[in-house]
Protein backbone atom coordinates (compact mmCIF):
# COMPACT_ATOMS: atom_id res chain seq x y z
CA MET A 1 -21.74 62.54 19.93
CA ALA A 2 -21.68 58.71 19.29
CA THR A 3 -21.43 56.02 21.73
CA ILE A 4 -18.55 53.54 21.04
CA ARG A 5 -19.74 50.11 22.15
CA ARG A 6 -16.98 47.98 20.92
CA PHE A 7 -13.34 48.71 20.10
CA GLU A 8 -13.97 47.68 16.44
CA ASP A 9 -16.04 50.92 16.44
CA LEU A 10 -12.72 53.23 17.15
CA GLU A 11 -11.44 55.08 14.08
CA ILE A 12 -7.86 54.37 15.78
CA TRP A 13 -8.33 50.73 15.73
CA GLN A 14 -9.41 50.74 12.22
CA GLU A 15 -6.49 52.70 11.10
CA ALA A 16 -4.14 50.37 13.14
CA ARG A 17 -5.75 47.51 11.58
CA ARG A 18 -5.23 49.00 7.93
CA LEU A 19 -1.63 49.65 8.86
CA ALA A 20 -0.80 46.24 10.32
CA LYS A 21 -2.12 44.91 7.03
CA VAL A 22 -0.21 46.89 5.09
CA ILE A 23 3.10 46.06 6.87
CA TYR A 24 2.03 42.07 6.55
CA LYS A 25 1.82 42.66 2.84
CA LEU A 26 5.15 44.65 2.69
CA THR A 27 6.97 41.94 4.58
CA ASN A 28 5.78 39.26 2.36
CA GLU A 29 6.18 41.07 -1.02
CA THR A 30 10.06 42.44 -0.60
CA GLU A 31 13.16 41.43 0.72
CA PHE A 32 11.79 41.34 4.16
CA LYS A 33 10.87 37.71 3.21
CA THR A 34 14.45 36.34 3.91
CA ASP A 35 15.11 38.42 6.89
CA PHE A 36 12.90 36.55 9.30
CA LYS A 37 13.87 38.22 12.76
CA PHE A 38 13.30 41.65 11.46
CA LYS A 39 10.10 40.77 9.51
CA GLU A 40 8.66 39.26 12.56
CA GLN A 41 9.70 42.45 14.86
CA ILE A 42 8.19 44.99 12.55
CA LYS A 43 4.70 42.80 12.06
CA SER A 44 4.81 42.27 15.90
CA SER A 45 5.13 45.90 16.76
CA SER A 46 2.63 47.22 14.02
CA GLY A 47 0.17 44.67 15.21
CA SER A 48 0.41 45.49 18.75
CA ILE A 49 -0.97 49.06 17.90
CA MET A 50 -4.38 47.52 17.33
CA ASP A 51 -4.26 45.09 19.97
CA ASN A 52 -3.29 47.26 22.79
CA ILE A 53 -6.26 49.73 21.54
CA ALA A 54 -8.42 46.72 21.84
CA GLU A 55 -7.22 45.35 25.11
CA GLY A 56 -7.27 48.70 26.77
CA PHE A 57 -10.96 49.14 25.58
CA GLU A 58 -11.87 45.77 27.03
CA ARG A 59 -10.52 46.47 30.38
CA ASP A 60 -13.52 48.59 31.43
CA GLY A 61 -11.75 51.30 32.97
CA ASN A 62 -10.68 54.80 31.68
CA LEU A 63 -7.28 54.67 33.47
CA GLU A 64 -6.01 51.50 32.03
CA PHE A 65 -7.73 52.40 28.63
CA ARG A 66 -5.34 55.33 28.61
CA GLN A 67 -2.35 53.36 29.73
CA PHE A 68 -3.01 50.66 26.91
CA LEU A 69 -3.32 53.65 24.34
CA ALA A 70 -0.02 54.92 25.47
CA VAL A 71 1.42 51.52 24.80
CA ALA A 72 -0.10 51.53 21.50
CA LYS A 73 1.39 55.02 20.65
CA GLY A 74 4.66 53.69 21.48
CA SER A 75 4.48 50.77 19.26
CA ALA A 76 3.52 53.11 16.32
CA GLY A 77 6.81 54.81 16.90
CA GLU A 78 8.57 51.63 17.13
CA THR A 79 7.05 50.86 13.95
CA ARG A 80 8.22 53.94 12.36
CA SER A 81 11.67 53.63 13.69
CA GLN A 82 11.78 50.07 11.97
CA LEU A 83 10.43 51.54 8.94
CA TYR A 84 13.79 53.77 8.64
CA ARG A 85 15.81 50.46 9.26
CA ALA A 86 13.86 48.91 6.28
CA PHE A 87 14.74 51.92 4.16
CA ASP A 88 18.40 51.58 5.16
CA TYR A 89 18.44 47.89 4.46
CA GLU A 90 17.19 48.63 0.92
CA TYR A 91 13.90 46.66 1.75
CA ILE A 92 11.63 49.52 0.82
CA ARG A 93 11.90 52.60 -1.38
CA GLU A 94 12.12 56.17 0.03
CA GLU A 95 8.64 56.79 -1.41
CA THR A 96 7.19 53.87 0.68
CA LEU A 97 9.14 55.13 3.61
CA ASN A 98 7.57 58.62 3.55
CA GLU A 99 4.06 57.49 2.97
CA LEU A 100 4.01 54.92 5.81
CA LYS A 101 5.95 57.18 8.26
CA ASN A 102 3.29 59.64 7.72
CA ASP A 103 0.51 57.41 8.10
CA PHE A 104 2.11 56.20 11.63
CA GLU A 105 2.57 59.76 12.45
CA ASN A 106 -0.95 60.50 11.83
CA LEU A 107 -2.09 57.48 13.61
CA SER A 108 0.19 58.62 16.91
CA GLY A 109 -1.40 62.04 16.74
CA LYS A 110 -4.81 60.59 16.82
CA ILE A 111 -4.17 58.15 19.58
CA LYS A 112 -2.67 61.30 21.71
CA LYS A 113 -5.65 63.29 20.76
CA PHE A 114 -8.03 60.55 22.11
CA ILE A 115 -5.85 60.06 25.21
CA SER A 116 -6.15 63.84 25.74
CA TYR A 117 -9.75 63.58 25.51
CA LEU A 118 -10.13 60.56 27.89
CA ASN A 119 -8.03 62.67 30.31
CA LYS A 120 -10.90 65.50 30.11
CA THR A 121 -13.84 63.41 30.41
CA ASP A 122 -15.68 61.91 33.28
CA ILE A 123 -16.59 58.66 31.37
CA LYS A 124 -15.21 55.85 33.52
CA GLY A 125 -16.32 52.66 32.00
CA SER A 126 -15.95 50.81 28.66
CA LYS A 127 -18.74 52.78 26.86
CA PHE A 128 -16.63 55.74 25.53
CA GLN A 129 -18.30 58.60 23.38
CA LYS A 130 -16.59 59.57 20.68
CA PRO A 131 -14.76 63.04 20.47
């Protein structure tokens, strides 16, 4: 197993970063542009996923890392819910909703698997082995 030395090495962080960028572009290219409060809300929740993964990793403890991963997973659910609102407000098409909903569900699943892995391991510090 490969040792993870930096949060940037984590696949879940890389995927969260990619999705935050997709949301950012979406909010600047659609009718989101004029709905400032909602635009900031969905950008914040999507960015929170990657930020909580990073912050938890940097805390140097398995227990805290798992707590921050749980928050990141919650933010993925929040973003998914907001995507339904974006669709209902006609800011995005159904195809975009379905694609992004699936991407965020997949990320949530990966975060959940990583939490399960950390629950079963004796690793206590910030150097985590990849499952």
